[in-house]
Amino acid sequence: LFPYSAMTREQVMSVQQPLPMEDFDLIDLGEDYGQLSVFDLIGYYI
């Protein structure tokens, strides 16, 4: 089962580079809150 779960070298390289906060997709918080960006969530937490 190892070959089915192993990541390619390109996948490993891509996940080692952190994304800027602005590049994340919207996060769906359900019907009550809708979709928010990571920037808005971190601002609310601060």
PDB file of all heavy atoms in Angstrom:
ATOM      1  N   LEU A   1       0.801  -1.225   0.000  1.00  0.00           N
ATOM      2  CA  LEU A   1       0.000   0.000   0.000  1.00  0.00           C
ATOM      3  C   LEU A   1       0.838   1.281   0.000  1.00  0.00           C
ATOM      4  O   LEU A   1       0.285   2.356  -0.230  1.00  0.00           O
ATOM      5  CB  LEU A   1      -0.937   0.000   1.207  1.00  0.00           C
ATOM      6  CG  LEU A   1      -2.004  -1.089   1.204  1.00  0.00           C
ATOM      7  CD1 LEU A   1      -2.845  -1.006   2.464  1.00  0.00           C
ATOM      8  CD2 LEU A   1      -2.874  -1.002  -0.031  1.00  0.00           C
ATOM      9  N   PHE A   2       2.124   1.198   0.233  1.00  0.00           N
ATOM     10  CA  PHE A   2       2.962   2.400   0.301  1.00  0.00           C
ATOM     11  C   PHE A   2       2.930   3.238  -0.979  1.00  0.00           C
ATOM     12  O   PHE A   2       2.800   4.459  -0.905  1.00  0.00           O
ATOM     13  CB  PHE A   2       4.407   2.041   0.657  1.00  0.00           C
ATOM     14  CG  PHE A   2       5.303   3.240   0.712  1.00  0.00           C
ATOM     15  CD1 PHE A   2       5.266   4.084   1.808  1.00  0.00           C
ATOM     16  CD2 PHE A   2       6.154   3.541  -0.336  1.00  0.00           C
ATOM     17  CE1 PHE A   2       6.078   5.208   1.864  1.00  0.00           C
ATOM     18  CE2 PHE A   2       6.966   4.655  -0.294  1.00  0.00           C
ATOM     19  CZ  PHE A   2       6.929   5.490   0.808  1.00  0.00           C
ATOM     20  N   PRO A   3       3.041   2.647  -2.163  1.00  0.00           N
ATOM     21  CA  PRO A   3       3.026   3.486  -3.377  1.00  0.00           C
ATOM     22  C   PRO A   3       1.733   4.285  -3.545  1.00  0.00           C
ATOM     23  O   PRO A   3       1.742   5.343  -4.167  1.00  0.00           O
ATOM     24  CB  PRO A   3       3.184   2.481  -4.519  1.00  0.00           C
ATOM     25  CG  PRO A   3       3.820   1.293  -3.904  1.00  0.00           C
ATOM     26  CD  PRO A   3       3.320   1.256  -2.496  1.00  0.00           C
ATOM     27  N   TYR A   4       0.642   3.799  -3.016  1.00  0.00           N
ATOM     28  CA  TYR A   4      -0.631   4.517  -3.148  1.00  0.00           C
ATOM     29  C   TYR A   4      -0.732   5.698  -2.187  1.00  0.00           C
ATOM     30  O   TYR A   4      -1.522   6.606  -2.391  1.00  0.00           O
ATOM     31  CB  TYR A   4      -1.803   3.564  -2.918  1.00  0.00           C
ATOM     32  CG  TYR A   4      -1.844   2.448  -3.928  1.00  0.00           C
ATOM     33  CD1 TYR A   4      -1.496   1.157  -3.568  1.00  0.00           C
ATOM     34  CD2 TYR A   4      -2.192   2.697  -5.251  1.00  0.00           C
ATOM     35  CE1 TYR A   4      -1.521   0.128  -4.489  1.00  0.00           C
ATOM     36  CE2 TYR A   4      -2.214   1.676  -6.187  1.00  0.00           C
ATOM     37  CZ  TYR A   4      -1.883   0.396  -5.792  1.00  0.00           C
ATOM     38  OH  TYR A   4      -1.901  -0.610  -6.712  1.00  0.00           O
ATOM     39  N   SER A   5       0.054   5.682  -1.124  1.00  0.00           N
ATOM     40  CA  SER A   5      -0.015   6.767  -0.147  1.00  0.00           C
ATOM     41  C   SER A   5       1.178   7.723  -0.226  1.00  0.00           C
ATOM     42  O   SER A   5       1.145   8.795   0.370  1.00  0.00           O
ATOM     43  CB  SER A   5      -0.098   6.193   1.269  1.00  0.00           C
ATOM     44  OG  SER A   5       1.079   5.476   1.568  1.00  0.00           O
ATOM     45  N   ALA A   6       2.206   7.355  -0.940  1.00  0.00           N
ATOM     46  CA  ALA A   6       3.402   8.191  -1.022  1.00  0.00           C
ATOM     47  C   ALA A   6       3.143   9.393  -1.933  1.00  0.00           C
ATOM     48  O   ALA A   6       2.396   9.314  -2.902  1.00  0.00           O
ATOM     49  CB  ALA A   6       4.575   7.383  -1.557  1.00  0.00           C
ATOM     50  N   MET A   7       3.757  10.519  -1.594  1.00  0.00           N
ATOM     51  CA  MET A   7       3.635  11.730  -2.400  1.00  0.00           C
ATOM     52  C   MET A   7       4.786  11.812  -3.388  1.00  0.00           C
ATOM     53  O   MET A   7       5.887  11.334  -3.111  1.00  0.00           O
ATOM     54  CB  MET A   7       3.631  12.965  -1.492  1.00  0.00           C
ATOM     55  CG  MET A   7       2.428  13.029  -0.604  1.00  0.00           C
ATOM     56  SD  MET A   7       2.217  14.491   0.446  1.00  0.00           S
ATOM     57  CE  MET A   7       3.648  15.415   0.392  1.00  0.00           C
ATOM     58  N   THR A   8       4.527  12.462  -4.520  1.00  0.00           N
ATOM     59  CA  THR A   8       5.586  12.659  -5.498  1.00  0.00           C
ATOM     60  C   THR A   8       6.534  13.748  -4.997  1.00  0.00           C
ATOM     61  O   THR A   8       6.219  14.501  -4.079  1.00  0.00           O
ATOM     62  CB  THR A   8       5.004  13.078  -6.858  1.00  0.00           C
ATOM     63  OG1 THR A   8       4.352  14.336  -6.702  1.00  0.00           O
ATOM     64  CG2 THR A   8       4.022  12.042  -7.380  1.00  0.00           C
ATOM     65  N   ARG A   9       7.691  13.846  -5.630  1.00  0.00           N
ATOM     66  CA  ARG A   9       8.675  14.851  -5.237  1.00  0.00           C
ATOM     67  C   ARG A   9       8.107  16.265  -5.419  1.00  0.00           C
ATOM     68  O   ARG A   9       8.344  17.147  -4.606  1.00  0.00           O
ATOM     69  CB  ARG A   9       9.952  14.679  -6.051  1.00  0.00           C
ATOM     70  CG  ARG A   9      11.045  15.626  -5.642  1.00  0.00           C
ATOM     71  CD  ARG A   9      12.346  15.344  -6.365  1.00  0.00           C
ATOM     72  NE  ARG A   9      12.858  14.006  -6.166  1.00  0.00           N
ATOM     73  CZ  ARG A   9      13.571  13.608  -5.103  1.00  0.00           C
ATOM     74  NH1 ARG A   9      13.837  14.460  -4.153  1.00  0.00           N
ATOM     75  NH2 ARG A   9      14.009  12.378  -5.014  1.00  0.00           N
ATOM     76  N   GLU A  10       7.314  16.482  -6.475  1.00  0.00           N
ATOM     77  CA  GLU A  10       6.717  17.797  -6.708  1.00  0.00           C
ATOM     78  C   GLU A  10       5.721  18.154  -5.602  1.00  0.00           C
ATOM     79  O   GLU A  10       5.647  19.305  -5.161  1.00  0.00           O
ATOM     80  CB  GLU A  10       6.020  17.840  -8.074  1.00  0.00           C
ATOM     81  CG  GLU A  10       6.967  17.761  -9.252  1.00  0.00           C
ATOM     82  CD  GLU A  10       7.389  16.324  -9.561  1.00  0.00           C
ATOM     83  OE1 GLU A  10       6.660  15.378  -9.189  1.00  0.00           O
ATOM     84  OE2 GLU A  10       8.477  16.157 -10.151  1.00  0.00           O
ATOM     85  N   GLN A  11       4.941  17.174  -5.157  1.00  0.00           N
ATOM     86  CA  GLN A  11       3.993  17.425  -4.074  1.00  0.00           C
ATOM     87  C   GLN A  11       4.717  17.772  -2.783  1.00  0.00           C
ATOM     88  O   GLN A  11       4.303  18.674  -2.049  1.00  0.00           O
ATOM     89  CB  GLN A  11       3.097  16.207  -3.845  1.00  0.00           C
ATOM     90  CG  GLN A  11       2.089  15.970  -4.937  1.00  0.00           C
ATOM     91  CD  GLN A  11       1.360  14.659  -4.740  1.00  0.00           C
ATOM     92  OE1 GLN A  11       1.928  13.678  -4.257  1.00  0.00           O
ATOM     93  NE2 GLN A  11       0.088  14.632  -5.113  1.00  0.00           N
ATOM     94  N   VAL A  12       5.802  17.069  -2.490  1.00  0.00           N
ATOM     95  CA  VAL A  12       6.569  17.342  -1.269  1.00  0.00           C
ATOM     96  C   VAL A  12       7.145  18.750  -1.323  1.00  0.00           C
ATOM     97  O   VAL A  12       7.085  19.504  -0.346  1.00  0.00           O
ATOM     98  CB  VAL A  12       7.688  16.289  -1.085  1.00  0.00           C
ATOM     99  CG1 VAL A  12       8.617  16.694   0.039  1.00  0.00           C
ATOM    100  CG2 VAL A  12       7.097  14.926  -0.818  1.00  0.00           C
ATOM    101  N   MET A  13       7.679  19.136  -2.475  1.00  0.00           N
ATOM    102  CA  MET A  13       8.260  20.477  -2.605  1.00  0.00           C
ATOM    103  C   MET A  13       7.192  21.561  -2.481  1.00  0.00           C
ATOM    104  O   MET A  13       7.433  22.611  -1.898  1.00  0.00           O
ATOM    105  CB  MET A  13       8.997  20.609  -3.945  1.00  0.00           C
ATOM    106  CG  MET A  13      10.200  19.687  -4.065  1.00  0.00           C
ATOM    107  SD  MET A  13      11.414  19.924  -2.769  1.00  0.00           S
ATOM    108  CE  MET A  13      12.092  21.479  -3.260  1.00  0.00           C
ATOM    109  N   SER A  14       6.001  21.304  -3.019  1.00  0.00           N
ATOM    110  CA  SER A  14       4.955  22.331  -2.978  1.00  0.00           C
ATOM    111  C   SER A  14       4.392  22.525  -1.574  1.00  0.00           C
ATOM    112  O   SER A  14       4.011  23.634  -1.218  1.00  0.00           O
ATOM    113  CB  SER A  14       3.829  21.991  -3.953  1.00  0.00           C
ATOM    114  OG  SER A  14       3.100  20.874  -3.505  1.00  0.00           O
ATOM    115  N   VAL A  15       4.331  21.484  -0.771  1.00  0.00           N
ATOM    116  CA  VAL A  15       3.777  21.644   0.580  1.00  0.00           C
ATOM    117  C   VAL A  15       4.809  22.184   1.561  1.00  0.00           C
ATOM    118  O   VAL A  15       4.447  22.585   2.661  1.00  0.00           O
ATOM    119  CB  VAL A  15       3.171  20.326   1.116  1.00  0.00           C
ATOM    120  CG1 VAL A  15       2.024  19.881   0.268  1.00  0.00           C
ATOM    121  CG2 VAL A  15       4.200  19.238   1.254  1.00  0.00           C
ATOM    122  N   GLN A  16       6.079  22.214   1.176  1.00  0.00           N
ATOM    123  CA  GLN A  16       7.089  22.771   2.064  1.00  0.00           C
ATOM    124  C   GLN A  16       7.169  24.286   1.971  1.00  0.00           C
ATOM    125  O   GLN A  16       7.767  24.923   2.825  1.00  0.00           O
ATOM    126  CB  GLN A  16       8.454  22.148   1.758  1.00  0.00           C
ATOM    127  CG  GLN A  16       8.558  20.712   2.203  1.00  0.00           C
ATOM    128  CD  GLN A  16       9.905  20.106   1.876  1.00  0.00           C
ATOM    129  OE1 GLN A  16      10.671  20.637   1.090  1.00  0.00           O
ATOM    130  NE2 GLN A  16      10.186  18.962   2.485  1.00  0.00           N
ATOM    131  N   GLN A  17       6.569  24.867   0.946  1.00  0.00           N
ATOM    132  CA  GLN A  17       6.561  26.318   0.786  1.00  0.00           C
ATOM    133  C   GLN A  17       5.262  26.875   1.353  1.00  0.00           C
ATOM    134  O   GLN A  17       4.191  26.568   0.856  1.00  0.00           O
ATOM    135  CB  GLN A  17       6.664  26.692  -0.704  1.00  0.00           C
ATOM    136  CG  GLN A  17       7.940  26.231  -1.363  1.00  0.00           C
ATOM    137  CD  GLN A  17       9.154  26.917  -0.781  1.00  0.00           C
ATOM    138  OE1 GLN A  17       9.107  28.071  -0.402  1.00  0.00           O
ATOM    139  NE2 GLN A  17      10.251  26.173  -0.696  1.00  0.00           N
ATOM    140  N   PRO A  18       5.313  27.697   2.396  1.00  0.00           N
ATOM    141  CA  PRO A  18       4.083  28.240   2.961  1.00  0.00           C
ATOM    142  C   PRO A  18       3.435  29.235   1.990  1.00  0.00           C
ATOM    143  O   PRO A  18       4.123  29.979   1.289  1.00  0.00           O
ATOM    144  CB  PRO A  18       4.528  28.939   4.237  1.00  0.00           C
ATOM    145  CG  PRO A  18       5.984  29.157   4.074  1.00  0.00           C
ATOM    146  CD  PRO A  18       6.495  28.113   3.139  1.00  0.00           C
ATOM    147  N   LEU A  19       2.108  29.211   1.956  1.00  0.00           N
ATOM    148  CA  LEU A  19       1.367  30.142   1.115  1.00  0.00           C
ATOM    149  C   LEU A  19       1.122  31.443   1.867  1.00  0.00           C
ATOM    150  O   LEU A  19       0.925  31.436   3.079  1.00  0.00           O
ATOM    151  CB  LEU A  19       0.002  29.554   0.751  1.00  0.00           C
ATOM    152  CG  LEU A  19      -0.039  28.457  -0.282  1.00  0.00           C
ATOM    153  CD1 LEU A  19      -1.454  27.933  -0.431  1.00  0.00           C
ATOM    154  CD2 LEU A  19       0.471  28.954  -1.609  1.00  0.00           C
ATOM    155  N   PRO A  20       1.099  32.559   1.148  1.00  0.00           N
ATOM    156  CA  PRO A  20       0.682  33.797   1.805  1.00  0.00           C
ATOM    157  C   PRO A  20      -0.798  33.704   2.187  1.00  0.00           C
ATOM    158  O   PRO A  20      -1.568  32.975   1.567  1.00  0.00           O
ATOM    159  CB  PRO A  20       0.897  34.869   0.747  1.00  0.00           C
ATOM    160  CG  PRO A  20       1.607  34.229  -0.383  1.00  0.00           C
ATOM    161  CD  PRO A  20       1.533  32.769  -0.212  1.00  0.00           C
ATOM    162  N   MET A  21      -1.168  34.429   3.192  1.00  0.00           N
ATOM    163  CA  MET A  21      -2.525  34.367   3.712  1.00  0.00           C
ATOM    164  C   MET A  21      -3.559  34.731   2.643  1.00  0.00           C
ATOM    165  O   MET A  21      -4.656  34.190   2.621  1.00  0.00           O
ATOM    166  CB  MET A  21      -2.621  35.320   4.911  1.00  0.00           C
ATOM    167  CG  MET A  21      -3.854  35.222   5.703  1.00  0.00           C
ATOM    168  SD  MET A  21      -3.780  36.140   7.244  1.00  0.00           S
ATOM    169  CE  MET A  21      -3.003  37.656   6.834  1.00  0.00           C
ATOM    170  N   GLU A  22      -3.193  35.607   1.728  1.00  0.00           N
ATOM    171  CA  GLU A  22      -4.128  36.072   0.721  1.00  0.00           C
ATOM    172  C   GLU A  22      -4.405  35.025  -0.354  1.00  0.00           C
ATOM    173  O   GLU A  22      -5.392  35.116  -1.075  1.00  0.00           O
ATOM    174  CB  GLU A  22      -3.600  37.347   0.055  1.00  0.00           C
ATOM    175  CG  GLU A  22      -3.499  38.532   0.982  1.00  0.00           C
ATOM    176  CD  GLU A  22      -2.225  38.511   1.817  1.00  0.00           C
ATOM    177  OE1 GLU A  22      -1.288  37.776   1.473  1.00  0.00           O
ATOM    178  OE2 GLU A  22      -2.188  39.224   2.833  1.00  0.00           O
ATOM    179  N   ASP A  23      -3.546  34.011  -0.483  1.00  0.00           N
ATOM    180  CA  ASP A  23      -3.707  33.014  -1.538  1.00  0.00           C
ATOM    181  C   ASP A  23      -4.603  31.843  -1.149  1.00  0.00           C
ATOM    182  O   ASP A  23      -4.879  30.993  -1.986  1.00  0.00           O
ATOM    183  CB  ASP A  23      -2.338  32.476  -1.964  1.00  0.00           C
ATOM    184  CG  ASP A  23      -1.534  33.519  -2.718  1.00  0.00           C
ATOM    185  OD1 ASP A  23      -2.111  34.565  -3.081  1.00  0.00           O
ATOM    186  OD2 ASP A  23      -0.337  33.285  -2.944  1.00  0.00           O
ATOM    187  N   PHE A  24      -5.035  31.770   0.086  1.00  0.00           N
ATOM    188  CA  PHE A  24      -5.915  30.687   0.500  1.00  0.00           C
ATOM    189  C   PHE A  24      -7.306  30.899  -0.074  1.00  0.00           C
ATOM    190  O   PHE A  24      -7.761  32.025  -0.274  1.00  0.00           O
ATOM    191  CB  PHE A  24      -6.017  30.612   2.024  1.00  0.00           C
ATOM    192  CG  PHE A  24      -4.849  29.925   2.664  1.00  0.00           C
ATOM    193  CD1 PHE A  24      -3.800  30.654   3.179  1.00  0.00           C
ATOM    194  CD2 PHE A  24      -4.810  28.548   2.760  1.00  0.00           C
ATOM    195  CE1 PHE A  24      -2.723  30.035   3.766  1.00  0.00           C
ATOM    196  CE2 PHE A  24      -3.747  27.916   3.357  1.00  0.00           C
ATOM    197  CZ  PHE A  24      -2.697  28.659   3.861  1.00  0.00           C
ATOM    198  N   ASP A  25      -8.005  29.800  -0.313  1.00  0.00           N
ATOM    199  CA  ASP A  25      -9.391  29.877  -0.762  1.00  0.00           C
ATOM    200  C   ASP A  25     -10.277  30.316   0.393  1.00  0.00           C
ATOM    201  O   ASP A  25      -9.864  30.318   1.556  1.00  0.00           O
ATOM    202  CB  ASP A  25      -9.865  28.506  -1.265  1.00  0.00           C
ATOM    203  CG  ASP A  25      -9.126  28.081  -2.519  1.00  0.00           C
ATOM    204  OD1 ASP A  25      -8.695  28.972  -3.277  1.00  0.00           O
ATOM    205  OD2 ASP A  25      -9.007  26.866  -2.747  1.00  0.00           O
ATOM    206  N   LEU A  26     -11.519  30.651   0.063  1.00  0.00           N
ATOM    207  CA  LEU A  26     -12.476  30.996   1.112  1.00  0.00           C
ATOM    208  C   LEU A  26     -12.817  29.753   1.918  1.00  0.00           C
ATOM    209  O   LEU A  26     -12.861  28.644   1.388  1.00  0.00           O
ATOM    210  CB  LEU A  26     -13.744  31.586   0.489  1.00  0.00           C
ATOM    211  CG  LEU A  26     -13.573  32.934  -0.204  1.00  0.00           C
ATOM    212  CD1 LEU A  26     -14.896  33.343  -0.840  1.00  0.00           C
ATOM    213  CD2 LEU A  26     -13.105  33.987   0.755  1.00  0.00           C
ATOM    214  N   ILE A  27     -13.065  29.940   3.189  1.00  0.00           N
ATOM    215  CA  ILE A  27     -13.413  28.841   4.088  1.00  0.00           C
ATOM    216  C   ILE A  27     -14.903  28.911   4.350  1.00  0.00           C
ATOM    217  O   ILE A  27     -15.427  29.953   4.744  1.00  0.00           O
ATOM    218  CB  ILE A  27     -12.619  28.936   5.404  1.00  0.00           C
ATOM    219  CG1 ILE A  27     -11.131  28.819   5.106  1.00  0.00           C
ATOM    220  CG2 ILE A  27     -13.059  27.862   6.380  1.00  0.00           C
ATOM    221  CD1 ILE A  27     -10.254  29.080   6.291  1.00  0.00           C
ATOM    222  N   ASP A  28     -15.595  27.792   4.125  1.00  0.00           N
ATOM    223  CA  ASP A  28     -17.037  27.741   4.325  1.00  0.00           C
ATOM    224  C   ASP A  28     -17.329  27.428   5.784  1.00  0.00           C
ATOM    225  O   ASP A  28     -16.940  26.384   6.295  1.00  0.00           O
ATOM    226  CB  ASP A  28     -17.663  26.687   3.422  1.00  0.00           C
ATOM    227  CG  ASP A  28     -19.170  26.711   3.467  1.00  0.00           C
ATOM    228  OD1 ASP A  28     -19.744  27.702   3.983  1.00  0.00           O
ATOM    229  OD2 ASP A  28     -19.796  25.754   2.971  1.00  0.00           O
ATOM    230  N   LEU A  29     -18.007  28.346   6.472  1.00  0.00           N
ATOM    231  CA  LEU A  29     -18.332  28.168   7.884  1.00  0.00           C
ATOM    232  C   LEU A  29     -19.793  27.772   8.090  1.00  0.00           C
ATOM    233  O   LEU A  29     -20.318  27.886   9.189  1.00  0.00           O
ATOM    234  CB  LEU A  29     -18.033  29.456   8.652  1.00  0.00           C
ATOM    235  CG  LEU A  29     -16.570  29.879   8.664  1.00  0.00           C
ATOM    236  CD1 LEU A  29     -16.411  31.197   9.384  1.00  0.00           C
ATOM    237  CD2 LEU A  29     -15.702  28.821   9.285  1.00  0.00           C
ATOM    238  N   GLY A  30     -20.438  27.317   7.045  1.00  0.00           N
ATOM    239  CA  GLY A  30     -21.805  26.853   7.172  1.00  0.00           C
ATOM    240  C   GLY A  30     -22.819  27.923   6.827  1.00  0.00           C
ATOM    241  O   GLY A  30     -22.485  29.041   6.425  1.00  0.00           O
ATOM    242  N   GLU A  31     -24.087  27.571   6.975  1.00  0.00           N
ATOM    243  CA  GLU A  31     -25.177  28.467   6.601  1.00  0.00           C
ATOM    244  C   GLU A  31     -25.190  29.756   7.423  1.00  0.00           C
ATOM    245  O   GLU A  31     -25.512  30.816   6.911  1.00  0.00           O
ATOM    246  CB  GLU A  31     -26.511  27.763   6.774  1.00  0.00           C
ATOM    247  CG  GLU A  31     -26.727  26.592   5.848  1.00  0.00           C
ATOM    248  CD  GLU A  31     -28.051  25.910   6.119  1.00  0.00           C
ATOM    249  OE1 GLU A  31     -28.867  26.451   6.889  1.00  0.00           O
ATOM    250  OE2 GLU A  31     -28.265  24.828   5.552  1.00  0.00           O
ATOM    251  N   ASP A  32     -24.852  29.664   8.688  1.00  0.00           N
ATOM    252  CA  ASP A  32     -24.965  30.817   9.572  1.00  0.00           C
ATOM    253  C   ASP A  32     -23.962  31.920   9.246  1.00  0.00           C
ATOM    254  O   ASP A  32     -24.269  33.103   9.369  1.00  0.00           O
ATOM    255  CB  ASP A  32     -24.792  30.403  11.032  1.00  0.00           C
ATOM    256  CG  ASP A  32     -25.915  29.491  11.497  1.00  0.00           C
ATOM    257  OD1 ASP A  32     -27.016  29.575  10.922  1.00  0.00           O
ATOM    258  OD2 ASP A  32     -25.679  28.708  12.426  1.00  0.00           O
ATOM    259  N   TYR A  33     -22.758  31.559   8.840  1.00  0.00           N
ATOM    260  CA  TYR A  33     -21.707  32.543   8.651  1.00  0.00           C
ATOM    261  C   TYR A  33     -21.237  32.685   7.209  1.00  0.00           C
ATOM    262  O   TYR A  33     -20.569  33.644   6.875  1.00  0.00           O
ATOM    263  CB  TYR A  33     -20.504  32.221   9.551  1.00  0.00           C
ATOM    264  CG  TYR A  33     -20.879  32.186  11.002  1.00  0.00           C
ATOM    265  CD1 TYR A  33     -21.049  30.984  11.672  1.00  0.00           C
ATOM    266  CD2 TYR A  33     -21.090  33.360  11.703  1.00  0.00           C
ATOM    267  CE1 TYR A  33     -21.410  30.957  12.999  1.00  0.00           C
ATOM    268  CE2 TYR A  33     -21.451  33.335  13.036  1.00  0.00           C
ATOM    269  CZ  TYR A  33     -21.611  32.130  13.678  1.00  0.00           C
ATOM    270  OH  TYR A  33     -21.967  32.102  14.991  1.00  0.00           O
ATOM    271  N   GLY A  34     -21.520  31.718   6.361  1.00  0.00           N
ATOM    272  CA  GLY A  34     -21.115  31.798   4.964  1.00  0.00           C
ATOM    273  C   GLY A  34     -19.637  31.519   4.778  1.00  0.00           C
ATOM    274  O   GLY A  34     -19.016  30.798   5.547  1.00  0.00           O
ATOM    275  N   GLN A  35     -19.055  32.144   3.747  1.00  0.00           N
ATOM    276  CA  GLN A  35     -17.654  31.932   3.436  1.00  0.00           C
ATOM    277  C   GLN A  35     -16.842  33.153   3.842  1.00  0.00           C
ATOM    278  O   GLN A  35     -17.238  34.288   3.605  1.00  0.00           O
ATOM    279  CB  GLN A  35     -17.479  31.677   1.941  1.00  0.00           C
ATOM    280  CG  GLN A  35     -18.096  30.379   1.488  1.00  0.00           C
ATOM    281  CD  GLN A  35     -17.820  30.111   0.029  1.00  0.00           C
ATOM    282  OE1 GLN A  35     -17.500  31.012  -0.724  1.00  0.00           O
ATOM    283  NE2 GLN A  35     -17.949  28.864  -0.367  1.00  0.00           N
ATOM    284  N   LEU A  36     -15.700  32.886   4.463  1.00  0.00           N
ATOM    285  CA  LEU A  36     -14.812  33.956   4.900  1.00  0.00           C
ATOM    286  C   LEU A  36     -13.397  33.663   4.436  1.00  0.00           C
ATOM    287  O   LEU A  36     -13.006  32.514   4.262  1.00  0.00           O
ATOM    288  CB  LEU A  36     -14.811  34.084   6.424  1.00  0.00           C
ATOM    289  CG  LEU A  36     -16.093  34.575   7.074  1.00  0.00           C
ATOM    290  CD1 LEU A  36     -15.982  34.483   8.582  1.00  0.00           C
ATOM    291  CD2 LEU A  36     -16.385  35.989   6.655  1.00  0.00           C
ATOM    292  N   SER A  37     -12.620  34.709   4.293  1.00  0.00           N
ATOM    293  CA  SER A  37     -11.218  34.524   3.942  1.00  0.00           C
ATOM    294  C   SER A  37     -10.404  34.286   5.218  1.00  0.00           C
ATOM    295  O   SER A  37     -10.834  34.611   6.327  1.00  0.00           O
ATOM    296  CB  SER A  37     -10.690  35.762   3.211  1.00  0.00           C
ATOM    297  OG  SER A  37     -10.640  36.857   4.098  1.00  0.00           O
ATOM    298  N   VAL A  38      -9.217  33.724   5.049  1.00  0.00           N
ATOM    299  CA  VAL A  38      -8.324  33.495   6.184  1.00  0.00           C
ATOM    300  C   VAL A  38      -7.928  34.829   6.799  1.00  0.00           C
ATOM    301  O   VAL A  38      -7.807  34.961   8.017  1.00  0.00           O
ATOM    302  CB  VAL A  38      -7.090  32.689   5.727  1.00  0.00           C
ATOM    303  CG1 VAL A  38      -6.071  32.575   6.828  1.00  0.00           C
ATOM    304  CG2 VAL A  38      -7.500  31.319   5.253  1.00  0.00           C
ATOM    305  N   PHE A  39      -7.764  35.845   5.965  1.00  0.00           N
ATOM    306  CA  PHE A  39      -7.408  37.174   6.448  1.00  0.00           C
ATOM    307  C   PHE A  39      -8.475  37.695   7.420  1.00  0.00           C
ATOM    308  O   PHE A  39      -8.152  38.230   8.487  1.00  0.00           O
ATOM    309  CB  PHE A  39      -7.255  38.123   5.255  1.00  0.00           C
ATOM    310  CG  PHE A  39      -6.727  39.468   5.621  1.00  0.00           C
ATOM    311  CD1 PHE A  39      -5.386  39.646   5.895  1.00  0.00           C
ATOM    312  CD2 PHE A  39      -7.570  40.555   5.697  1.00  0.00           C
ATOM    313  CE1 PHE A  39      -4.892  40.885   6.237  1.00  0.00           C
ATOM    314  CE2 PHE A  39      -7.087  41.801   6.036  1.00  0.00           C
ATOM    315  CZ  PHE A  39      -5.742  41.964   6.305  1.00  0.00           C
ATOM    316  N   ASP A  40      -9.760  37.531   7.071  1.00  0.00           N
ATOM    317  CA  ASP A  40     -10.844  37.978   7.951  1.00  0.00           C
ATOM    318  C   ASP A  40     -10.880  37.178   9.249  1.00  0.00           C
ATOM    319  O   ASP A  40     -11.124  37.726  10.324  1.00  0.00           O
ATOM    320  CB  ASP A  40     -12.194  37.865   7.246  1.00  0.00           C
ATOM    321  CG  ASP A  40     -12.332  38.841   6.099  1.00  0.00           C
ATOM    322  OD1 ASP A  40     -11.648  39.893   6.136  1.00  0.00           O
ATOM    323  OD2 ASP A  40     -13.095  38.558   5.166  1.00  0.00           O
ATOM    324  N   LEU A  41     -10.645  35.857   9.155  1.00  0.00           N
ATOM    325  CA  LEU A  41     -10.670  35.025  10.359  1.00  0.00           C
ATOM    326  C   LEU A  41      -9.548  35.394  11.319  1.00  0.00           C
ATOM    327  O   LEU A  41      -9.752  35.474  12.539  1.00  0.00           O
ATOM    328  CB  LEU A  41     -10.569  33.546   9.982  1.00  0.00           C
ATOM    329  CG  LEU A  41     -11.804  32.952   9.319  1.00  0.00           C
ATOM    330  CD1 LEU A  41     -11.505  31.540   8.847  1.00  0.00           C
ATOM    331  CD2 LEU A  41     -12.976  32.957  10.265  1.00  0.00           C
ATOM    332  N   ILE A  42      -8.357  35.635  10.804  1.00  0.00           N
ATOM    333  CA  ILE A  42      -7.234  36.001  11.662  1.00  0.00           C
ATOM    334  C   ILE A  42      -7.462  37.394  12.262  1.00  0.00           C
ATOM    335  O   ILE A  42      -7.170  37.632  13.433  1.00  0.00           O
ATOM    336  CB  ILE A  42      -5.907  35.916  10.893  1.00  0.00           C
ATOM    337  CG1 ILE A  42      -5.607  34.459  10.612  1.00  0.00           C
ATOM    338  CG2 ILE A  42      -4.768  36.555  11.664  1.00  0.00           C
ATOM    339  CD1 ILE A  42      -4.369  34.211   9.795  1.00  0.00           C
ATOM    340  N   GLY A  43      -8.006  38.297  11.460  1.00  0.00           N
ATOM    341  CA  GLY A  43      -8.328  39.628  11.985  1.00  0.00           C
ATOM    342  C   GLY A  43      -9.340  39.557  13.106  1.00  0.00           C
ATOM    343  O   GLY A  43      -9.211  40.249  14.128  1.00  0.00           O
ATOM    344  N   TYR A  44     -10.351  38.693  12.963  1.00  0.00           N
ATOM    345  CA  TYR A  44     -11.340  38.533  14.023  1.00  0.00           C
ATOM    346  C   TYR A  44     -10.685  37.956  15.274  1.00  0.00           C
ATOM    347  O   TYR A  44     -10.979  38.381  16.397  1.00  0.00           O
ATOM    348  CB  TYR A  44     -12.473  37.624  13.555  1.00  0.00           C
ATOM    349  CG  TYR A  44     -13.510  37.389  14.619  1.00  0.00           C
ATOM    350  CD1 TYR A  44     -14.489  38.335  14.872  1.00  0.00           C
ATOM    351  CD2 TYR A  44     -13.486  36.240  15.397  1.00  0.00           C
ATOM    352  CE1 TYR A  44     -15.430  38.144  15.866  1.00  0.00           C
ATOM    353  CE2 TYR A  44     -14.415  36.034  16.388  1.00  0.00           C
ATOM    354  CZ  TYR A  44     -15.391  36.993  16.619  1.00  0.00           C
ATOM    355  OH  TYR A  44     -16.302  36.797  17.610  1.00  0.00           O
ATOM    356  N   TYR A  45      -9.801  36.976  15.104  1.00  0.00           N
ATOM    357  CA  TYR A  45      -9.128  36.363  16.244  1.00  0.00           C
ATOM    358  C   TYR A  45      -8.260  37.386  16.979  1.00  0.00           C
ATOM    359  O   TYR A  45      -8.194  37.392  18.204  1.00  0.00           O
ATOM    360  CB  TYR A  45      -8.272  35.187  15.775  1.00  0.00           C
ATOM    361  CG  TYR A  45      -7.521  34.510  16.890  1.00  0.00           C
ATOM    362  CD1 TYR A  45      -8.164  33.612  17.728  1.00  0.00           C
ATOM    363  CD2 TYR A  45      -6.177  34.777  17.124  1.00  0.00           C
ATOM    364  CE1 TYR A  45      -7.483  32.989  18.759  1.00  0.00           C
ATOM    365  CE2 TYR A  45      -5.489  34.165  18.153  1.00  0.00           C
ATOM    366  CZ  TYR A  45      -6.149  33.273  18.951  1.00  0.00           C
ATOM    367  OH  TYR A  45      -5.489  32.675  19.981  1.00  0.00           O
ATOM    368  N   ILE A  46      -7.596  38.264  16.229  1.00  0.00           N
ATOM    369  CA  ILE A  46      -6.748  39.281  16.858  1.00  0.00           C
ATOM    370  C   ILE A  46      -7.609  40.285  17.617  1.00  0.00           C
ATOM    371  O   ILE A  46      -7.274  40.697  18.736  1.00  0.00           O
ATOM    372  CB  ILE A  46      -5.870  39.977  15.802  1.00  0.00           C
ATOM    373  CG1 ILE A  46      -4.814  38.991  15.299  1.00  0.00           C
ATOM    374  CG2 ILE A  46      -5.208  41.227  16.366  1.00  0.00           C
ATOM    375  CD1 ILE A  46      -4.023  39.487  14.112  1.00  0.00           C
TER     376      ILE A  46
END
